[in-house]
C-alpha atoms as a PDB file:
ATOM      1  CA  UNK A   1     112.240 122.196 110.171  1.00  0.00           C
ATOM      2  CA  UNK A   2     112.859 122.871 106.521  1.00  0.00           C
ATOM      3  CA  UNK A   3     110.269 125.059 104.907  1.00  0.00           C
ATOM      4  CA  UNK A   4     109.428 124.367 101.269  1.00  0.00           C
ATOM      5  CA  UNK A   5     108.013 127.205  99.250  1.00  0.00           C
ATOM      6  CA  UNK A   6     105.843 125.969  96.458  1.00  0.00           C
ATOM      7  CA  UNK A   7     105.394 128.174  93.491  1.00  0.00           C
ATOM      8  CA  UNK A   8     101.788 128.619  92.570  1.00  0.00           C
ATOM      9  CA  UNK A   9     101.103 128.337  88.812  1.00  0.00           C
ATOM     10  CA  UNK A  10     100.642 131.772  87.328  1.00  0.00           C
ATOM     11  CA  UNK A  11      97.827 132.911  85.120  1.00  0.00           C
ATOM     12  CA  UNK A  12      98.813 133.714  81.588  1.00  0.00           C
ATOM     13  CA  UNK A  13      97.315 135.877  78.922  1.00  0.00           C
ATOM     14  CA  UNK A  14      97.469 136.487  75.214  1.00  0.00           C
ATOM     15  CA  UNK A  15     101.278 136.339  75.064  1.00  0.00           C
ATOM     16  CA  UNK A  16     101.281 132.585  75.656  1.00  0.00           C
ATOM     17  CA  UNK A  17      98.812 132.126  72.809  1.00  0.00           C
ATOM     18  CA  UNK A  18     101.045 134.350  70.634  1.00  0.00           C
ATOM     19  CA  UNK A  19     104.014 132.174  71.582  1.00  0.00           C
ATOM     20  CA  UNK A  20     102.094 129.009  70.686  1.00  0.00           C
ATOM     21  CA  UNK A  21     101.188 130.473  67.287  1.00  0.00           C
ATOM     22  CA  UNK A  22     104.807 131.470  66.703  1.00  0.00           C
ATOM     23  CA  UNK A  23     106.087 127.995  67.603  1.00  0.00           C
ATOM     24  CA  UNK A  24     103.549 126.506  65.187  1.00  0.00           C
ATOM     25  CA  UNK A  25     104.719 128.904  62.455  1.00  0.00           C
ATOM     26  CA  UNK A  26     108.306 127.905  63.112  1.00  0.00           C
ATOM     27  CA  UNK A  27     107.362 124.212  62.924  1.00  0.00           C
ATOM     28  CA  UNK A  28     105.694 124.897  59.570  1.00  0.00           C
ATOM     29  CA  UNK A  29     108.816 126.698  58.298  1.00  0.00           C
ATOM     30  CA  UNK A  30     110.982 123.762  59.377  1.00  0.00           C
ATOM     31  CA  UNK A  31     108.580 121.442  57.550  1.00  0.00           C
ATOM     32  CA  UNK A  32     109.054 123.514  54.391  1.00  0.00           C
ATOM     33  CA  UNK A  33     112.814 123.463  54.907  1.00  0.00           C
ATOM     34  CA  UNK A  34     112.728 119.664  55.135  1.00  0.00           C
ATOM     35  CA  UNK A  35     110.958 119.624  51.767  1.00  0.00           C
ATOM     36  CA  UNK A  36     113.676 121.787  50.204  1.00  0.00           C
ATOM     37  CA  UNK A  37     116.466 119.649  51.693  1.00  0.00           C
ATOM     38  CA  UNK A  38     114.711 116.571  50.321  1.00  0.00           C
ATOM     39  CA  UNK A  39     114.553 118.276  46.896  1.00  0.00           C
ATOM     40  CA  UNK A  40     118.264 119.067  47.165  1.00  0.00           C
ATOM     41  CA  UNK A  41     119.068 115.426  47.978  1.00  0.00           C
ATOM     42  CA  UNK A  42     117.014 114.264  44.995  1.00  0.00           C
ATOM     43  CA  UNK A  43     118.872 116.785  42.808  1.00  0.00           C
ATOM     44  CA  UNK A  44     122.178 115.435  44.131  1.00  0.00           C
ATOM     45  CA  UNK A  45     121.133 111.911  43.121  1.00  0.00           C
ATOM     46  CA  UNK A  46     120.298 113.195  39.634  1.00  0.00           C
ATOM     47  CA  UNK A  47     123.447 115.370  39.477  1.00  0.00           C
ATOM     48  CA  UNK A  48     121.188 118.319  38.676  1.00  0.00           C
ATOM     49  CA  UNK A  49     123.219 121.356  39.715  1.00  0.00           C
ATOM     50  CA  UNK A  50     120.476 123.830  38.752  1.00  0.00           C
ATOM     51  CA  UNK A  51     117.950 122.095  41.013  1.00  0.00           C
ATOM     52  CA  UNK A  52     120.538 121.855  43.824  1.00  0.00           C
ATOM     53  CA  UNK A  53     121.208 125.593  43.582  1.00  0.00           C
ATOM     54  CA  UNK A  54     117.494 126.380  43.513  1.00  0.00           C
ATOM     55  CA  UNK A  55     116.752 124.190  46.549  1.00  0.00           C
ATOM     56  CA  UNK A  56     119.719 125.672  48.431  1.00  0.00           C
ATOM     57  CA  UNK A  57     118.491 129.198  47.691  1.00  0.00           C
ATOM     58  CA  UNK A  58     115.011 128.397  48.988  1.00  0.00           C
ATOM     59  CA  UNK A  59     116.559 126.769  52.045  1.00  0.00           C
ATOM     60  CA  UNK A  60     118.624 129.898  52.741  1.00  0.00           C
ATOM     61  CA  UNK A  61     115.536 132.127  52.532  1.00  0.00           C
ATOM     62  CA  UNK A  62     113.773 129.920  55.068  1.00  0.00           C
ATOM     63  CA  UNK A  63     116.844 129.922  57.324  1.00  0.00           C
ATOM     64  CA  UNK A  64     116.759 133.732  57.290  1.00  0.00           C
ATOM     65  CA  UNK A  65     113.046 133.750  58.150  1.00  0.00           C
ATOM     66  CA  UNK A  66     113.651 131.258  60.966  1.00  0.00           C
ATOM     67  CA  UNK A  67     116.428 133.409  62.407  1.00  0.00           C
ATOM     68  CA  UNK A  68     114.004 136.333  62.372  1.00  0.00           C
ATOM     69  CA  UNK A  69     111.347 134.219  64.094  1.00  0.00           C
ATOM     70  CA  UNK A  70     113.867 133.087  66.704  1.00  0.00           C
ATOM     71  CA  UNK A  71     114.419 136.725  67.707  1.00  0.00           C
ATOM     72  CA  UNK A  72     110.671 137.174  68.009  1.00  0.00           C
ATOM     73  CA  UNK A  73     110.445 133.979  70.081  1.00  0.00           C
ATOM     74  CA  UNK A  74     112.969 135.381  72.562  1.00  0.00           C
ATOM     75  CA  UNK A  75     110.997 138.615  72.832  1.00  0.00           C
ATOM     76  CA  UNK A  76     107.768 136.692  73.401  1.00  0.00           C
ATOM     77  CA  UNK A  77     109.407 134.508  76.043  1.00  0.00           C
ATOM     78  CA  UNK A  78     110.420 137.714  77.868  1.00  0.00           C
ATOM     79  CA  UNK A  79     106.886 139.111  77.550  1.00  0.00           C
ATOM     80  CA  UNK A  80     105.341 135.867  78.821  1.00  0.00           C
ATOM     81  CA  UNK A  81     107.822 135.853  81.688  1.00  0.00           C
ATOM     82  CA  UNK A  82     106.798 139.365  82.689  1.00  0.00           C
ATOM     83  CA  UNK A  83     103.125 138.433  82.281  1.00  0.00           C
ATOM     84  CA  UNK A  84     103.490 135.619  84.823  1.00  0.00           C
ATOM     85  CA  UNK A  85     105.543 137.700  87.243  1.00  0.00           C
ATOM     86  CA  UNK A  86     109.181 137.026  86.355  1.00  0.00           C
ATOM     87  CA  UNK A  87     111.816 139.726  86.302  1.00  0.00           C
ATOM     88  CA  UNK A  88     112.333 141.649  83.072  1.00  0.00           C
ATOM     89  CA  UNK A  89     114.264 139.784  80.339  1.00  0.00           C
ATOM     90  CA  UNK A  90     114.398 136.579  82.385  1.00  0.00           C
ATOM     91  CA  UNK A  91     111.757 134.725  80.383  1.00  0.00           C
ATOM     92  CA  UNK A  92     114.106 133.941  77.493  1.00  0.00           C
ATOM     93  CA  UNK A  93     116.340 131.931  79.819  1.00  0.00           C
ATOM     94  CA  UNK A  94     113.518 129.498  80.564  1.00  0.00           C
ATOM     95  CA  UNK A  95     113.067 126.337  78.579  1.00  0.00           C
ATOM     96  CA  UNK A  96     109.590 125.678  77.256  1.00  0.00           C
ATOM     97  CA  UNK A  97     109.158 122.942  79.870  1.00  0.00           C
ATOM     98  CA  UNK A  98     110.117 125.325  82.668  1.00  0.00           C
ATOM     99  CA  UNK A  99     107.697 127.910  81.342  1.00  0.00           C
ATOM    100  CA  UNK A 100     104.935 125.321  80.967  1.00  0.00           C
ATOM    101  CA  UNK A 101     105.426 124.243  84.590  1.00  0.00           C
ATOM    102  CA  UNK A 102     104.489 127.794  85.597  1.00  0.00           C
ATOM    103  CA  UNK A 103     101.270 127.742  83.548  1.00  0.00           C
ATOM    104  CA  UNK A 104      97.946 126.025  84.015  1.00  0.00           C
ATOM    105  CA  UNK A 105      95.243 124.416  81.938  1.00  0.00           C
ATOM    106  CA  UNK A 106      94.843 124.882  78.234  1.00  0.00           C
ATOM    107  CA  UNK A 107      97.782 127.290  77.866  1.00  0.00           C
ATOM    108  CA  UNK A 108     100.161 124.741  79.364  1.00  0.00           C
ATOM    109  CA  UNK A 109      98.864 121.924  77.150  1.00  0.00           C
ATOM    110  CA  UNK A 110      98.925 124.070  74.013  1.00  0.00           C
ATOM    111  CA  UNK A 111     102.467 125.282  74.690  1.00  0.00           C
ATOM    112  CA  UNK A 112     103.792 121.767  75.291  1.00  0.00           C
ATOM    113  CA  UNK A 113     102.053 120.389  72.195  1.00  0.00           C
ATOM    114  CA  UNK A 114     103.342 123.213  70.017  1.00  0.00           C
ATOM    115  CA  UNK A 115     106.886 122.826  71.337  1.00  0.00           C
ATOM    116  CA  UNK A 116     106.730 119.090  70.650  1.00  0.00           C
ATOM    117  CA  UNK A 117     105.655 119.686  67.033  1.00  0.00           C
ATOM    118  CA  UNK A 118     108.532 122.114  66.589  1.00  0.00           C
ATOM    119  CA  UNK A 119     110.997 119.687  68.174  1.00  0.00           C
ATOM    120  CA  UNK A 120     109.927 116.924  65.776  1.00  0.00           C
ATOM    121  CA  UNK A 121     110.352 119.170  62.722  1.00  0.00           C
ATOM    122  CA  UNK A 122     113.780 120.387  63.881  1.00  0.00           C
ATOM    123  CA  UNK A 123     114.892 116.767  64.380  1.00  0.00           C
ATOM    124  CA  UNK A 124     113.744 115.861  60.841  1.00  0.00           C
ATOM    125  CA  UNK A 125     115.617 118.828  59.349  1.00  0.00           C
ATOM    126  CA  UNK A 126     118.760 118.053  61.356  1.00  0.00           C
ATOM    127  CA  UNK A 127     118.784 114.447  60.156  1.00  0.00           C
ATOM    128  CA  UNK A 128     118.217 115.478  56.524  1.00  0.00           C
ATOM    129  CA  UNK A 129     121.027 118.046  56.796  1.00  0.00           C
ATOM    130  CA  UNK A 130     123.384 115.377  58.135  1.00  0.00           C
ATOM    131  CA  UNK A 131     122.577 113.151  55.166  1.00  0.00           C
ATOM    132  CA  UNK A 132     123.047 116.037  52.707  1.00  0.00           C
ATOM    133  CA  UNK A 133     126.395 116.854  54.335  1.00  0.00           C
ATOM    134  CA  UNK A 134     127.632 113.277  54.015  1.00  0.00           C
ATOM    135  CA  UNK A 135     126.540 113.102  50.373  1.00  0.00           C
ATOM    136  CA  UNK A 136     128.215 116.437  49.573  1.00  0.00           C
ATOM    137  CA  UNK A 137     131.505 115.379  51.239  1.00  0.00           C
ATOM    138  CA  UNK A 138     131.523 112.090  49.356  1.00  0.00           C
ATOM    139  CA  UNK A 139     130.883 113.843  46.037  1.00  0.00           C
ATOM    140  CA  UNK A 140     133.717 116.310  46.682  1.00  0.00           C
ATOM    141  CA  UNK A 141     136.108 113.491  47.660  1.00  0.00           C
ATOM    142  CA  UNK A 142     135.163 111.567  44.531  1.00  0.00           C
ATOM    143  CA  UNK A 143     135.711 114.620  42.314  1.00  0.00           C
ATOM    144  CA  UNK A 144     139.132 115.254  43.886  1.00  0.00           C
ATOM    145  CA  UNK A 145     140.121 111.701  43.118  1.00  0.00           C
ATOM    146  CA  UNK A 146     138.899 112.000  39.517  1.00  0.00           C
ATOM    147  CA  UNK A 147     140.677 115.320  38.932  1.00  0.00           C
ATOM    148  CA  UNK A 148     143.879 113.989  40.459  1.00  0.00           C
ATOM    149  CA  UNK A 149     143.735 110.922  38.218  1.00  0.00           C
ATOM    150  CA  UNK A 150     143.215 112.863  34.971  1.00  0.00           C
ATOM    151  CA  UNK A 151     145.571 115.775  35.698  1.00  0.00           C
ATOM    152  CA  UNK A 152     147.532 116.458  32.511  1.00  0.00           C
ATOM    153  CA  UNK A 153     151.281 116.919  32.411  1.00  0.00           C
ATOM    154  CA  UNK A 154     154.639 115.208  32.122  1.00  0.00           C
ATOM    155  CA  UNK A 155     154.471 113.987  35.657  1.00  0.00           C
ATOM    156  CA  UNK A 156     155.590 110.611  36.885  1.00  0.00           C
ATOM    157  CA  UNK A 157     152.902 108.055  37.679  1.00  0.00           C
ATOM    158  CA  UNK A 158     150.455 108.924  40.406  1.00  0.00           C
ATOM    159  CA  UNK A 159     151.096 107.922  44.013  1.00  0.00           C
ATOM    160  CA  UNK A 160     149.471 108.342  47.394  1.00  0.00           C
ATOM    161  CA  UNK A 161     150.242 110.748  50.223  1.00  0.00           C
ATOM    162  CA  UNK A 162     150.614 109.607  53.845  1.00  0.00           C
ATOM    163  CA  UNK A 163     146.929 110.424  54.373  1.00  0.00           C
ATOM    164  CA  UNK A 164     145.880 108.313  51.378  1.00  0.00           C
ATOM    165  CA  UNK A 165     145.148 111.191  49.009  1.00  0.00           C
ATOM    166  CA  UNK A 166     146.061 110.597  45.346  1.00  0.00           C
ATOM    167  CA  UNK A 167     148.933 112.872  44.268  1.00  0.00           C
ATOM    168  CA  UNK A 168     151.531 113.116  41.545  1.00  0.00           C
ATOM    169  CA  UNK A 169     155.110 112.137  42.302  1.00  0.00           C
ATOM    170  CA  UNK A 170     156.241 115.656  41.375  1.00  0.00           C
ATOM    171  CA  UNK A 171     154.178 117.043  44.236  1.00  0.00           C
ATOM    172  CA  UNK A 172     156.770 115.722  46.710  1.00  0.00           C
ATOM    173  CA  UNK A 173     158.479 117.801  49.357  1.00  0.00           C
ATOM    174  CA  UNK A 174     160.652 120.707  48.234  1.00  0.00           C
ATOM    175  CA  UNK A 175     163.583 119.328  50.238  1.00  0.00           C
ATOM    176  CA  UNK A 176     163.775 116.289  47.927  1.00  0.00           C
ATOM    177  CA  UNK A 177     164.001 118.600  44.916  1.00  0.00           C
ATOM    178  CA  UNK A 178     166.821 120.810  46.239  1.00  0.00           C
ATOM    179  CA  UNK A 179     168.835 118.247  48.180  1.00  0.00           C
END
């Protein structure tokens, strides 16, 4: 007969509440970051390089703060793990769902709700960053094309490389030039 050992939910203490507060702070920081990315996108549409630089600087400061908070989150996960009876430093390897499954009552509900808020904010920021990346790549490609088209010199008419990039005829392979 196979014996199943069921793990009894552990009681938690103040560390879980600290973790919930930290996750909420991180969600707030991601919300602020979304605002700065949105400002950067608006500046890109206006071609306002000063506003783009400003928004990027604010975004970098928040990224630094989030990295700091992530280290604290790992420490708190370890502390919560120890509080509920896990081995030292093993709490950080748990997902929030795994940790919540070991908790009961209000702590479990608060942790899951906080993690969900954070997840939503991270998804918003990720999507906005993807859009900003696409816009930036398209702007750079457009500028390359413009600069290639207006390049001064006594070059022959412009042509295209095998990859479709605009280039001057004089930019051909060295072998053609030396025979």
